[in-house]
Protein backbone atom coordinates (compact mmCIF):
# COMPACT_ATOMS: atom_id res chain seq x y z
CA UNK A 1 -14.58 -24.24 -1.89
CA UNK A 2 -14.30 -23.28 -5.52
CA UNK A 3 -11.34 -21.66 -7.25
CA UNK A 4 -11.62 -17.91 -7.52
CA UNK A 5 -12.09 -16.03 -10.76
CA UNK A 6 -11.64 -12.34 -11.47
CA UNK A 7 -12.58 -10.05 -8.61
CA UNK A 8 -15.91 -8.31 -8.76
CA UNK A 9 -16.76 -4.64 -8.85
CA UNK A 10 -18.22 -3.20 -5.66
CA UNK A 11 -21.92 -3.94 -5.11
CA UNK A 12 -23.96 -1.10 -3.54
CA UNK A 13 -25.91 -3.66 -1.48
CA UNK A 14 -22.74 -4.91 0.21
CA UNK A 15 -19.96 -3.28 2.20
CA UNK A 16 -16.34 -4.22 1.59
CA UNK A 17 -14.59 -4.99 4.84
CA UNK A 18 -11.26 -6.17 3.43
CA UNK A 19 -9.57 -8.79 1.30
CA UNK A 20 -7.94 -12.20 1.60
CA UNK A 21 -4.33 -11.34 0.80
CA UNK A 22 -2.47 -14.63 1.24
CA UNK A 23 -2.07 -17.90 3.10
CA UNK A 24 -0.29 -18.57 6.38
CA UNK A 25 1.15 -22.01 7.13
CA UNK A 26 -0.15 -25.44 6.21
CA UNK A 27 -3.41 -25.63 8.18
CA UNK A 28 -5.57 -23.32 6.07
CA UNK A 29 -4.98 -20.00 7.84
CA UNK A 30 -5.41 -16.91 5.66
CA UNK A 31 -3.85 -13.46 5.73
CA UNK A 32 -6.44 -10.68 5.84
CA UNK A 33 -6.12 -7.05 4.79
CA UNK A 34 -8.78 -5.20 6.77
CA UNK A 35 -10.39 -1.89 5.79
CA UNK A 36 -12.15 -1.55 9.15
CA UNK A 37 -11.12 0.84 11.92
CA UNK A 38 -9.58 -0.48 14.00
CA UNK A 39 -8.45 -3.24 11.67
CA UNK A 40 -9.40 -5.98 14.17
CA UNK A 41 -13.05 -4.88 13.97
CA UNK A 42 -13.41 -7.08 10.88
CA UNK A 43 -13.58 -10.07 13.24
CA UNK A 44 -16.60 -8.68 15.12
CA UNK A 45 -18.88 -9.79 12.28
CA UNK A 46 -20.12 -13.37 12.79
CA UNK A 47 -19.91 -14.22 9.10
CA UNK A 48 -18.50 -12.79 5.89
CA UNK A 49 -19.29 -13.02 2.21
CA UNK A 50 -16.23 -13.88 0.13
CA UNK A 51 -16.59 -12.40 -3.34
CA UNK A 52 -14.57 -13.18 -6.45
CA UNK A 53 -15.90 -12.69 -9.96
CA UNK A 54 -19.52 -13.86 -10.00
CA UNK A 55 -18.90 -16.22 -7.08
CA UNK A 56 -20.15 -15.46 -3.57
CA UNK A 57 -19.59 -17.72 -0.59
CA UNK A 58 -20.71 -17.21 3.00
CA UNK A 59 -17.98 -18.11 5.49
CA UNK A 60 -17.59 -18.06 9.25
CA UNK A 61 -14.36 -16.91 10.91
CA UNK A 62 -13.48 -19.62 13.45
CA UNK A 63 -10.40 -18.00 15.00
CA UNK A 64 -8.08 -15.08 14.35
CA UNK A 65 -4.89 -13.53 15.65
CA UNK A 66 -2.36 -10.87 14.79
CA UNK A 67 0.78 -12.09 13.09
CA UNK A 68 3.39 -9.36 12.93
CA UNK A 69 1.90 -6.47 10.97
CA UNK A 70 -0.87 -8.57 9.48
CA UNK A 71 -3.99 -10.38 10.67
CA UNK A 72 -4.63 -14.05 10.08
CA UNK A 73 -7.87 -16.00 10.25
CA UNK A 74 -9.03 -19.58 10.25
CA UNK A 75 -12.36 -20.10 8.48
CA UNK A 76 -14.75 -22.93 9.28
CA UNK A 77 -14.29 -25.68 6.66
CA UNK A 78 -10.88 -24.46 5.46
CA UNK A 79 -8.33 -26.88 6.89
CA UNK A 80 -5.53 -27.14 4.33
CA UNK A 81 -3.18 -24.77 2.56
CA UNK A 82 -4.65 -25.91 -0.77
CA UNK A 83 -8.18 -24.95 0.30
CA UNK A 84 -6.89 -21.59 1.57
CA UNK A 85 -5.01 -20.84 -1.66
CA UNK A 86 -8.31 -20.97 -3.57
CA UNK A 87 -9.55 -17.98 -1.55
CA UNK A 88 -6.59 -15.64 -2.02
CA UNK A 89 -7.71 -12.41 -3.69
CA UNK A 90 -11.36 -12.70 -2.61
CA UNK A 91 -13.04 -9.60 -1.23
CA UNK A 92 -14.53 -9.80 2.24
CA UNK A 93 -17.95 -8.17 2.25
CA UNK A 94 -21.09 -7.93 4.35
CA UNK A 95 -24.66 -7.18 3.27
CA UNK A 96 -25.21 -3.45 3.86
CA UNK A 97 -28.35 -4.08 5.92
CA UNK A 98 -26.25 -6.06 8.43
CA UNK A 99 -23.98 -3.13 9.25
CA UNK A 100 -24.52 -1.66 12.73
CA UNK A 101 -26.73 1.43 12.86
CA UNK A 102 -24.94 4.75 13.21
CA UNK A 103 -25.78 7.86 15.20
CA UNK A 104 -27.30 10.83 13.39
CA UNK A 105 -24.63 12.66 11.40
CA UNK A 106 -22.38 9.59 11.12
CA UNK A 107 -21.78 7.79 7.83
CA UNK A 108 -20.01 4.75 6.54
CA UNK A 109 -17.54 5.53 3.79
CA UNK A 110 -19.42 3.34 1.33
CA UNK A 111 -22.46 5.62 1.80
CA UNK A 112 -20.47 8.69 0.72
CA UNK A 113 -18.89 7.09 -2.35
CA UNK A 114 -20.81 8.06 -5.47
CA UNK A 115 -22.49 11.16 -4.02
CA UNK A 116 -22.58 14.23 -6.28
CA UNK A 117 -20.44 16.94 -4.66
CA UNK A 118 -21.52 20.54 -5.09
CA UNK A 119 -20.76 23.97 -3.73
CA UNK A 120 -22.79 27.15 -3.51
CA UNK A 121 -21.42 29.96 -5.69
CA UNK A 122 -21.27 33.60 -4.53
CA UNK A 123 -24.51 34.30 -6.41
CA UNK A 124 -26.26 31.46 -4.51
CA UNK A 125 -26.36 29.05 -7.44
CA UNK A 126 -25.24 25.44 -7.12
CA UNK A 127 -22.08 24.30 -8.89
CA UNK A 128 -21.30 20.61 -9.27
CA UNK A 129 -17.60 19.95 -8.72
CA UNK A 130 -17.73 16.18 -9.18
CA UNK A 131 -18.60 12.86 -7.62
CA UNK A 132 -17.07 11.36 -4.47
CA UNK A 133 -14.92 8.54 -5.84
CA UNK A 134 -13.50 7.28 -2.56
CA UNK A 135 -12.05 8.41 0.74
CA UNK A 136 -8.49 8.38 2.02
CA UNK A 137 -7.30 8.06 5.57
CA UNK A 138 -4.38 10.43 6.06
CA UNK A 139 -3.89 10.27 9.82
CA UNK A 140 -4.80 13.91 10.44
CA UNK A 141 -8.27 13.55 8.93
CA UNK A 142 -10.14 11.62 6.27
CA UNK A 143 -10.18 13.08 2.77
CA UNK A 144 -12.89 12.97 0.10
CA UNK A 145 -11.49 12.27 -3.37
CA UNK A 146 -13.86 14.09 -5.72
CA UNK A 147 -13.49 13.29 -9.43
CA UNK A 148 -15.08 15.37 -12.19
CA UNK A 149 -18.26 14.32 -14.00
CA UNK A 150 -19.77 15.49 -17.27
CA UNK A 151 -21.72 18.16 -15.38
CA UNK A 152 -18.76 19.41 -13.30
CA UNK A 153 -17.62 23.02 -13.55
CA UNK A 154 -14.17 21.81 -14.66
CA UNK A 155 -12.14 18.62 -15.11
CA UNK A 156 -10.09 18.78 -11.90
CA UNK A 157 -9.87 16.10 -9.25
CA UNK A 158 -10.12 17.53 -5.75
CA UNK A 159 -8.97 16.29 -2.36
CA UNK A 160 -11.27 17.75 0.28
CA UNK A 161 -10.85 17.20 4.02
CA UNK A 162 -13.84 15.47 5.63
CA UNK A 163 -15.12 17.67 8.43
CA UNK A 164 -18.79 18.09 9.25
CA UNK A 165 -18.02 21.38 10.97
CA UNK A 166 -15.72 22.93 8.38
CA UNK A 167 -15.98 21.56 4.85
CA UNK A 168 -19.13 19.41 4.69
CA UNK A 169 -22.34 21.43 4.97
CA UNK A 170 -24.89 18.71 4.27
CA UNK A 171 -25.02 15.03 3.34
CA UNK A 172 -28.25 13.92 1.68
CA UNK A 173 -28.10 10.18 1.06
CA UNK A 174 -31.66 10.11 -0.29
CA UNK A 175 -30.89 12.53 -3.13
CA UNK A 176 -27.31 11.28 -3.58
CA UNK A 177 -25.73 14.69 -2.91
CA UNK A 178 -23.15 16.21 -0.61
CA UNK A 179 -22.93 19.98 -0.15
CA UNK A 180 -19.44 21.29 0.51
CA UNK A 181 -18.27 24.57 1.98
CA UNK A 182 -15.29 24.66 -0.34
CA UNK A 183 -13.84 27.16 -2.77
CA UNK A 184 -14.04 25.48 -6.20
CA UNK A 185 -10.81 27.27 -7.19
CA UNK A 186 -8.86 25.01 -4.80
C-alpha cells in the first residue's frame, strides 16, 4: 500500500460509494463513511477502488461490522494500523459499468449530477435554470441542488424536491438534460 496524496475529483466513469474516514484498533481495521442506502450496502460489492490523488488501488473487503454509529472494515492485505493509516481519506469507488442495473425510471444520483435543468415557460419556450450540482437526502425526500450556469435565466441556486410525479417531468441521460415542472420564480 502506498501513502495517499491529495484526493481526486470525481470521475464520470466511476461511482463514489463512500470514503475511508479513519482507523480502528491495531489490526488494520478502517472506519468507513458510506454514501449508499442503506449504508451497509457498500459491503455488497465484492471489491472497491480506493482513490486518492492520481493513485487507484483495487481492494477486497474481507470482513465488516457496525461499530457504534460507524461502519468498520478489514481489507485483504491490510493487517496493521500503519498500513491502514495510509488509506485514510481515500475515496471508495466502483467502475460505473459494475453498478447493478436499475428499473426503467430509476436513476443513480451520479447519473443526475451534471444534467442541465430546464423548465418550460408559459409561452412554451425552454428556460435553463442551471445544472444539477448534487443531491441532498433530507428524510422527507431527496432534493436536487441546481446551480446557475452561464446560460441560466438568473444566478440563483435552487433546491428542488426530487419527485418523478410532481417536479421532474423528464430525465434524458443521452442529451444530458432534466426537464422540471417548477416555477423558475421559486
